[in-house]
Protein backbone atom coordinates (compact mmCIF):
# COMPACT_ATOMS: atom_id res chain seq x y z
CA UNK A 1 0.00 0.00 0.00
CA UNK A 2 1.21 3.48 -0.85
CA UNK A 3 1.78 6.26 1.65
CA UNK A 4 0.80 9.90 1.28
CA UNK A 5 2.16 13.18 2.54
CA UNK A 6 -0.68 15.64 3.05
CA UNK A 7 -1.20 19.27 4.01
CA UNK A 8 -4.26 20.55 5.85
CA UNK A 9 -5.52 24.12 6.01
CA UNK A 10 -6.49 25.00 9.59
CA UNK A 11 -9.12 27.49 10.79
CA UNK A 12 -6.50 30.06 11.77
CA UNK A 13 -4.86 29.95 8.32
CA UNK A 14 -1.98 27.75 9.46
CA UNK A 15 -0.89 24.62 7.61
CA UNK A 16 -0.42 21.14 9.06
CA UNK A 17 1.68 18.51 7.28
CA UNK A 18 1.39 14.80 8.02
CA UNK A 19 1.58 11.32 6.55
CA UNK A 20 -1.04 8.60 6.19
CA UNK A 21 -1.98 5.53 4.21
CA UNK A 22 -5.53 6.82 3.72
CA UNK A 23 -5.61 10.62 3.87
CA UNK A 24 -9.39 11.03 4.05
CA UNK A 25 -9.61 8.64 7.02
CA UNK A 26 -6.78 10.44 8.80
CA UNK A 27 -8.48 13.79 8.13
CA UNK A 28 -11.64 12.49 9.85
CA UNK A 29 -9.51 11.53 12.87
CA UNK A 30 -8.12 15.08 12.97
CA UNK A 31 -11.67 16.49 12.75
CA UNK A 32 -12.69 14.45 15.79
CA UNK A 33 -9.80 15.92 17.80
CA UNK A 34 -8.07 12.54 18.01
CA UNK A 35 -5.21 13.31 15.62
CA UNK A 36 -2.06 15.28 16.24
CA UNK A 37 -1.83 17.71 19.13
CA UNK A 38 -1.44 20.55 16.62
CA UNK A 39 -4.81 19.83 14.97
CA UNK A 40 -6.54 19.68 18.35
CA UNK A 41 -5.59 23.33 18.86
CA UNK A 42 -5.68 24.47 15.21
CA UNK A 43 -8.88 22.94 13.83
CA UNK A 44 -8.43 21.53 10.31
CA UNK A 45 -10.77 22.81 7.59
CA UNK A 46 -9.76 20.89 4.50
CA UNK A 47 -7.11 18.82 2.77
CA UNK A 48 -5.24 21.11 0.37
CA UNK A 49 -2.42 18.83 -0.80
CA UNK A 50 -1.65 15.14 -1.21
CA UNK A 51 1.48 13.52 -2.58
CA UNK A 52 1.86 9.79 -3.13
CA UNK A 53 5.09 8.12 -1.99
CA UNK A 54 6.07 4.46 -2.04
CA UNK A 55 7.34 3.81 1.48
CA UNK A 56 6.84 5.11 4.99
CA UNK A 57 10.51 6.12 5.04
CA UNK A 58 10.04 8.24 1.90
CA UNK A 59 6.87 9.74 3.39
CA UNK A 60 8.63 10.68 6.62
CA UNK A 61 11.55 12.21 4.74
CA UNK A 62 9.25 14.29 2.52
CA UNK A 63 7.15 15.33 5.55
CA UNK A 64 10.27 16.62 7.32
CA UNK A 65 11.32 18.50 4.19
CA UNK A 66 7.93 20.21 3.80
CA UNK A 67 7.71 21.01 7.53
CA UNK A 68 11.09 22.74 7.33
CA UNK A 69 9.77 25.28 4.81
CA UNK A 70 8.14 28.59 5.75
CA UNK A 71 4.46 28.90 4.92
CA UNK A 72 5.11 31.08 1.84
CA UNK A 73 7.55 28.48 0.52
CA UNK A 74 5.01 25.68 1.03
CA UNK A 75 2.42 27.65 -0.92
CA UNK A 76 4.81 28.36 -3.77
CA UNK A 77 6.66 25.03 -3.99
CA UNK A 78 3.56 22.85 -3.63
CA UNK A 79 1.26 25.11 -5.65
CA UNK A 80 -1.21 25.36 -2.78
CA UNK A 81 -4.47 27.22 -3.16
CA UNK A 82 -5.76 28.44 0.19
């Protein structure tokens, strides 16, 4: 099964980056307040980016890369539409 790196838009305009096998299912977990600590505080609104990767190791590496970027860089490099 493939892995995905995803980016969520939160209600305060911030972005959350994570990994999952099934992004929509993970998003529902975030909506219920059972996901990451960050999304319990910054309520997710929608999934704005998904990228398929082949392994969990590749997903974790890409997640770290994206998380290291400033918000403006994420928007530009990933072509995000907020």
